[in-house]
Amino acid sequence: MPSLPLPHREFEALLHRDAEAASGSVPVGKAHLKELRTLGHKVVRFLTARAACARQLSKHHHSHRPAWLDFTDRSPGPPQGDGLFACAARLDATGLHLPLPVIPSEFTSPLASLWQRVDTSAPASLPSSLQLPGDANAPRWLALLRLRPLREVWERELRRDTLQALLNLLPDAWMLDSTPVPEGAVLPRLEIAAWSDLPSSSSPIRRFVIVPADTWDDTSALDDTLPRASWSPTLQLALGTPAPHVLVSLPDAGLPSPTWIVAFCHKHDTRVDTLGFLALSPDAGRLVPARVESA
């Protein structure tokens, strides 16, 4: 199983346990519920808008285009047809966060079945699973969403309020590019003039993971559990490899274990309807399912 920024091992353990009654309900504030109800719509628009961004990037002259901007063999596609998909949002003291746009498809149906067992308000019948693009969770798109030259394209395809919501929800990320930063400039949001400055930076982000641009299969952590001197070789290795890599921010390790809210969404025609939610709360090192209630 890839090292996804989701508690996939806890998800698996939960789904392999015998069906259990909901331990109760988890109160979620009205503002968060409002945000959760539009989550699926925003994610589908994001996945669909990527094609326009790829077309914009392909206009760069080939000889001046870095490898991470080459979409010759991997043009992103939208979700195909109609069906059920799910998003897992992390709810903690800092708010609502979306580590990945969508839950991997292998978890969707089992989690939906669990939702039906623990929440009497869940629909008795659910749509079949939506066919998601294979690169729906590719790390490169977390970085390209924040790339300044693409801002106009993203705003045109998503509209400004949807773009801002996605920027607030999805983790910050940067393409690792060995091209020197122009004199007087800094890497946005990190405020450093070179990647070699990251180990000594005073950035409030203290935890990162380096991943290949198109998969979560091979990750390298950079955090305060490691000597800062070890960050530089890891960065240089990623910068020196021909395959593009991405630096992705992670939540503060000092935060209490979060509650996960799984939003089940139905894409049909041009609409995305949110069918309901399942809470997965931490309890003695495992996740326990519960209903979601309005606080």
Protein backbone atom coordinates (compact mmCIF):
# COMPACT_ATOMS: atom_id res chain seq x y z
CA MET A 1 0.00 0.00 0.00
CA PRO A 2 1.43 3.43 -0.90
CA SER A 3 2.42 5.79 1.91
CA LEU A 4 -0.63 7.99 1.38
CA PRO A 5 -1.20 10.96 3.72
CA LEU A 6 -4.25 9.12 5.08
CA PRO A 7 -4.40 6.66 7.99
CA HIS A 8 -4.80 3.81 5.49
CA ARG A 9 -3.58 1.20 7.94
CA GLU A 10 -6.22 2.31 10.44
CA PHE A 11 -8.80 2.33 7.62
CA GLU A 12 -7.84 -1.24 6.75
CA ALA A 13 -7.95 -2.38 10.37
CA LEU A 14 -11.35 -0.77 10.82
CA LEU A 15 -12.76 -2.44 7.73
CA HIS A 16 -11.38 -5.85 8.73
CA ARG A 17 -12.93 -5.74 12.19
CA ASP A 18 -16.35 -7.19 12.73
CA ALA A 19 -19.17 -4.75 12.09
CA GLU A 20 -19.77 -2.73 15.20
CA ALA A 21 -22.48 -0.37 16.28
CA ALA A 22 -21.70 3.32 16.17
CA SER A 23 -20.13 4.45 19.40
CA GLY A 24 -22.30 7.55 19.29
CA SER A 25 -22.17 10.70 17.26
CA VAL A 26 -19.54 13.28 16.46
CA PRO A 27 -20.69 16.92 16.54
CA VAL A 28 -19.45 18.98 13.61
CA GLY A 29 -19.93 22.73 13.47
CA LYS A 30 -22.34 24.20 10.95
CA ALA A 31 -19.58 26.07 9.11
CA HIS A 32 -17.59 22.86 8.65
CA LEU A 33 -20.70 20.96 7.55
CA LYS A 34 -21.41 23.63 4.96
CA GLU A 35 -17.86 23.24 3.67
CA LEU A 36 -18.14 19.44 3.66
CA ARG A 37 -21.38 19.51 1.66
CA THR A 38 -19.64 21.24 -1.25
CA LEU A 39 -16.40 19.26 -1.01
CA GLY A 40 -17.24 16.74 -3.74
CA HIS A 41 -18.31 19.48 -6.16
CA LYS A 42 -15.03 21.36 -5.64
CA VAL A 43 -12.94 18.20 -6.07
CA VAL A 44 -14.65 17.22 -9.34
CA ARG A 45 -14.14 20.74 -10.69
CA PHE A 46 -10.47 20.60 -9.67
CA LEU A 47 -9.90 17.23 -11.35
CA THR A 48 -11.65 18.44 -14.49
CA ALA A 49 -9.79 21.78 -14.61
CA ARG A 50 -6.37 20.09 -14.70
CA ALA A 51 -6.67 19.47 -18.43
CA ALA A 52 -6.87 23.21 -19.15
CA CYS A 53 -3.76 23.78 -17.02
CA ALA A 54 -1.89 21.02 -18.85
CA ARG A 55 -2.78 22.65 -22.18
CA GLN A 56 -1.51 25.99 -20.92
CA LEU A 57 1.76 24.45 -19.75
CA SER A 58 2.24 22.61 -23.05
CA LYS A 59 2.55 26.00 -24.79
CA HIS A 60 6.01 26.43 -23.26
CA HIS A 61 8.73 25.81 -25.83
CA HIS A 62 9.87 22.21 -25.39
CA SER A 63 13.56 23.12 -25.01
CA HIS A 64 12.75 25.44 -22.09
CA ARG A 65 10.20 23.19 -20.38
CA PRO A 66 11.29 21.33 -17.24
CA ALA A 67 10.43 17.63 -17.00
CA TRP A 68 7.72 18.25 -14.42
CA LEU A 69 5.79 20.37 -16.94
CA ASP A 70 5.79 17.66 -19.61
CA PHE A 71 2.33 16.13 -20.03
CA THR A 72 3.01 14.44 -23.36
CA ASP A 73 2.33 10.95 -21.97
CA ARG A 74 0.11 11.79 -19.02
CA SER A 75 -2.56 14.29 -19.98
CA PRO A 76 -4.90 14.49 -16.96
CA GLY A 77 -8.49 13.46 -17.45
CA PRO A 78 -11.75 14.18 -15.59
CA PRO A 79 -13.81 11.65 -13.63
CA GLN A 80 -15.68 9.47 -16.14
CA GLY A 81 -19.42 8.81 -16.09
CA ASP A 82 -21.64 8.73 -13.03
CA GLY A 83 -21.09 7.09 -9.67
CA LEU A 84 -20.07 7.21 -6.01
CA PHE A 85 -16.80 8.61 -4.72
CA ALA A 86 -15.59 9.76 -1.31
CA CYS A 87 -13.32 12.39 0.23
CA ALA A 88 -11.72 12.05 3.66
CA ALA A 89 -11.29 15.35 5.48
CA ARG A 90 -9.11 15.71 8.54
CA LEU A 91 -10.82 17.69 11.33
CA ASP A 92 -8.50 18.97 14.06
CA ALA A 93 -7.89 22.04 16.19
CA THR A 94 -6.72 24.03 13.16
CA GLY A 95 -9.83 23.31 11.08
CA LEU A 96 -10.76 21.13 8.14
CA HIS A 97 -8.08 19.77 5.81
CA LEU A 98 -8.08 17.51 2.75
CA PRO A 99 -4.80 15.53 2.49
CA LEU A 100 -5.86 14.02 -0.85
CA PRO A 101 -8.56 15.06 -3.31
CA VAL A 102 -10.28 11.65 -3.17
CA ILE A 103 -10.14 8.44 -1.17
CA PRO A 104 -8.47 5.64 -3.17
CA SER A 105 -11.18 3.60 -4.85
CA GLU A 106 -10.42 0.43 -2.89
CA PHE A 107 -11.69 2.12 0.28
CA THR A 108 -14.84 3.76 -1.12
CA SER A 109 -17.28 0.84 -1.20
CA PRO A 110 -16.17 -0.73 2.13
CA LEU A 111 -16.42 2.62 3.91
CA ALA A 112 -19.82 3.26 2.33
CA SER A 113 -21.03 -0.13 3.60
CA LEU A 114 -19.75 0.75 7.07
CA TRP A 115 -21.61 4.07 6.90
CA GLN A 116 -24.83 2.23 6.06
CA ARG A 117 -24.35 -0.06 9.08
CA VAL A 118 -23.72 2.66 11.64
CA ASP A 119 -26.01 5.43 10.42
CA THR A 120 -29.71 4.70 9.99
CA SER A 121 -30.11 7.85 7.88
CA ALA A 122 -27.71 6.56 5.20
CA PRO A 123 -29.38 5.51 1.93
CA ALA A 124 -30.18 1.79 1.74
CA SER A 125 -28.99 1.72 -1.87
CA LEU A 126 -25.92 3.51 -3.19
CA PRO A 127 -24.60 4.13 -6.72
CA SER A 128 -21.76 2.05 -8.11
CA SER A 129 -18.28 3.51 -7.77
CA LEU A 130 -17.24 6.39 -10.01
CA GLN A 131 -14.40 5.80 -12.45
CA LEU A 132 -11.72 8.17 -11.17
CA PRO A 133 -8.68 9.20 -13.23
CA GLY A 134 -5.60 7.23 -12.28
CA ASP A 135 -3.72 10.42 -11.41
CA ALA A 136 -6.49 11.93 -9.26
CA ASN A 137 -4.19 12.03 -6.22
CA ALA A 138 -0.91 12.69 -8.05
CA PRO A 139 1.24 14.94 -5.81
CA ARG A 140 2.30 17.18 -8.71
CA TRP A 141 -1.19 18.70 -8.84
CA LEU A 142 -0.94 19.89 -5.24
CA ALA A 143 2.06 21.96 -6.36
CA LEU A 144 0.65 23.06 -9.73
CA LEU A 145 -2.50 24.33 -8.01
CA ARG A 146 -0.27 26.94 -6.34
CA LEU A 147 1.99 27.73 -9.29
CA ARG A 148 1.75 31.48 -9.87
CA PRO A 149 1.87 31.37 -13.72
CA LEU A 150 -1.22 29.12 -13.61
CA ARG A 151 -3.24 31.32 -11.28
CA GLU A 152 -5.24 32.92 -14.08
CA VAL A 153 -6.08 29.53 -15.61
CA TRP A 154 -7.18 28.06 -12.28
CA GLU A 155 -9.35 31.11 -11.54
CA ARG A 156 -10.96 30.93 -14.96
CA GLU A 157 -11.70 27.20 -14.68
CA LEU A 158 -12.67 27.07 -11.00
CA ARG A 159 -13.69 30.63 -10.12
CA ARG A 160 -11.84 32.48 -7.41
CA ASP A 161 -13.86 31.33 -4.39
CA THR A 162 -13.53 27.63 -5.30
CA LEU A 163 -9.81 28.05 -5.95
CA GLN A 164 -9.31 29.74 -2.58
CA ALA A 165 -11.28 27.01 -0.81
CA LEU A 166 -9.09 24.32 -2.40
CA LEU A 167 -5.92 26.21 -1.47
CA ASN A 168 -7.13 26.31 2.13
CA LEU A 169 -8.09 22.62 2.17
CA LEU A 170 -5.30 20.88 0.27
CA PRO A 171 -1.73 20.66 1.62
CA ASP A 172 0.87 23.13 0.46
CA ALA A 173 3.37 21.71 -2.03
CA TRP A 174 6.29 22.70 -4.24
CA MET A 175 7.84 21.11 -7.31
CA LEU A 176 11.49 20.34 -6.58
CA ASP A 177 13.38 22.04 -9.40
CA SER A 178 17.17 22.38 -9.41
CA THR A 179 16.99 25.57 -11.49
CA PRO A 180 18.49 28.39 -9.38
CA VAL A 181 16.03 30.89 -7.96
CA PRO A 182 16.54 34.32 -9.61
CA GLU A 183 18.62 36.77 -7.60
CA GLY A 184 16.49 38.63 -5.09
CA ALA A 185 13.62 36.13 -5.33
CA VAL A 186 12.53 33.47 -2.86
CA LEU A 187 10.61 30.22 -3.03
CA PRO A 188 7.00 31.20 -2.36
CA ARG A 189 5.59 30.53 1.10
CA LEU A 190 8.91 29.08 2.28
CA GLU A 191 10.71 32.44 1.93
CA ILE A 192 14.06 30.83 1.16
CA ALA A 193 16.39 31.68 -1.72
CA ALA A 194 17.52 28.09 -2.40
CA TRP A 195 16.52 24.56 -1.48
CA SER A 196 19.76 24.23 0.47
CA ASP A 197 18.35 26.82 2.91
CA LEU A 198 15.37 24.65 3.89
CA PRO A 199 17.08 22.79 6.78
CA SER A 200 17.95 26.09 8.48
CA SER A 201 14.78 27.97 7.56
CA SER A 202 12.47 29.53 10.14
CA SER A 203 9.36 28.51 8.19
CA PRO A 204 6.40 27.68 10.47
CA ILE A 205 6.01 24.46 8.46
CA ARG A 206 8.13 21.90 10.27
CA ARG A 207 7.08 18.64 8.60
CA PHE A 208 7.38 17.68 4.95
CA VAL A 209 7.45 14.64 2.78
CA ILE A 210 9.25 14.27 -0.56
CA VAL A 211 7.38 12.14 -3.09
CA PRO A 212 7.61 11.35 -6.80
CA ALA A 213 5.43 13.70 -8.83
CA ASP A 214 2.91 11.07 -9.90
CA THR A 215 2.69 8.57 -7.04
CA TRP A 216 2.82 8.18 -3.26
CA ASP A 217 4.68 4.87 -3.54
CA ASP A 218 8.05 6.13 -2.32
CA THR A 219 8.22 8.85 0.33
CA SER A 220 11.02 10.50 2.29
CA ALA A 221 10.17 12.38 5.47
CA LEU A 222 11.70 15.68 6.56
CA ASP A 223 10.71 16.58 10.10
CA ASP A 224 12.02 17.41 13.55
CA THR A 225 12.48 13.74 14.45
CA LEU A 226 15.45 13.76 12.07
CA PRO A 227 18.68 15.76 12.42
CA ARG A 228 18.48 18.83 10.21
CA ALA A 229 21.83 17.79 8.73
CA SER A 230 20.08 14.79 7.17
CA TRP A 231 17.61 16.98 5.29
CA SER A 232 20.16 18.24 2.76
CA PRO A 233 21.22 14.85 1.32
CA THR A 234 17.55 13.84 0.97
CA LEU A 235 16.74 17.09 -0.83
CA GLN A 236 19.78 16.85 -3.10
CA LEU A 237 18.95 13.27 -4.03
CA ALA A 238 15.42 14.28 -5.09
CA LEU A 239 16.69 17.36 -6.94
CA GLY A 240 19.31 15.31 -8.78
CA THR A 241 17.10 12.52 -10.06
CA PRO A 242 15.66 12.78 -13.60
CA ALA A 243 12.16 11.92 -12.36
CA PRO A 244 10.42 15.00 -10.90
CA HIS A 245 9.65 15.10 -7.18
CA VAL A 246 7.38 17.18 -4.97
CA LEU A 247 7.82 18.59 -1.47
CA VAL A 248 4.49 18.35 0.40
CA SER A 249 3.73 19.90 3.79
CA LEU A 250 2.35 17.71 6.58
CA PRO A 251 0.30 18.61 9.68
CA ASP A 252 2.06 19.53 12.89
CA ALA A 253 2.97 16.32 14.74
CA GLY A 254 2.08 17.99 18.04
CA LEU A 255 -1.62 18.17 17.20
CA PRO A 256 -3.96 15.64 18.86
CA SER A 257 -5.11 12.74 16.71
CA PRO A 258 -7.76 14.09 14.34
CA THR A 259 -11.26 12.94 13.60
CA TRP A 260 -11.74 11.96 9.97
CA ILE A 261 -14.96 12.92 8.21
CA VAL A 262 -15.68 10.87 5.11
CA ALA A 263 -18.00 12.64 2.66
CA PHE A 264 -19.84 10.33 0.26
CA CYS A 265 -20.62 12.03 -3.05
CA HIS A 266 -22.62 11.08 -6.13
CA LYS A 267 -21.55 12.51 -9.46
CA HIS A 268 -24.29 12.34 -12.07
CA ASP A 269 -24.67 14.34 -15.24
CA THR A 270 -23.17 17.74 -14.42
CA ARG A 271 -24.10 17.61 -10.72
CA VAL A 272 -22.38 16.37 -7.61
CA ASP A 273 -24.63 15.59 -4.66
CA THR A 274 -23.35 14.91 -1.16
CA LEU A 275 -25.20 11.90 0.23
CA GLY A 276 -23.90 12.04 3.79
CA PHE A 277 -20.98 11.66 6.15
CA LEU A 278 -19.23 9.07 8.30
CA ALA A 279 -17.04 10.08 11.24
CA LEU A 280 -13.96 8.04 12.14
CA SER A 281 -12.78 9.04 15.61
CA PRO A 282 -9.54 8.05 17.34
CA ASP A 283 -9.97 5.79 20.35
CA ALA A 284 -7.08 3.96 22.04
CA GLY A 285 -4.99 3.87 18.89
CA ARG A 286 -7.73 2.83 16.51
CA LEU A 287 -10.49 4.48 14.52
CA VAL A 288 -14.10 4.05 15.62
CA PRO A 289 -17.03 4.81 13.29
CA ALA A 290 -19.75 7.21 14.37
CA ARG A 291 -22.59 9.27 12.98
CA VAL A 292 -22.06 12.94 12.17
CA GLU A 293 -24.35 15.45 13.87
CA SER A 294 -24.70 19.18 13.46
CA ALA A 295 -23.20 20.93 16.49
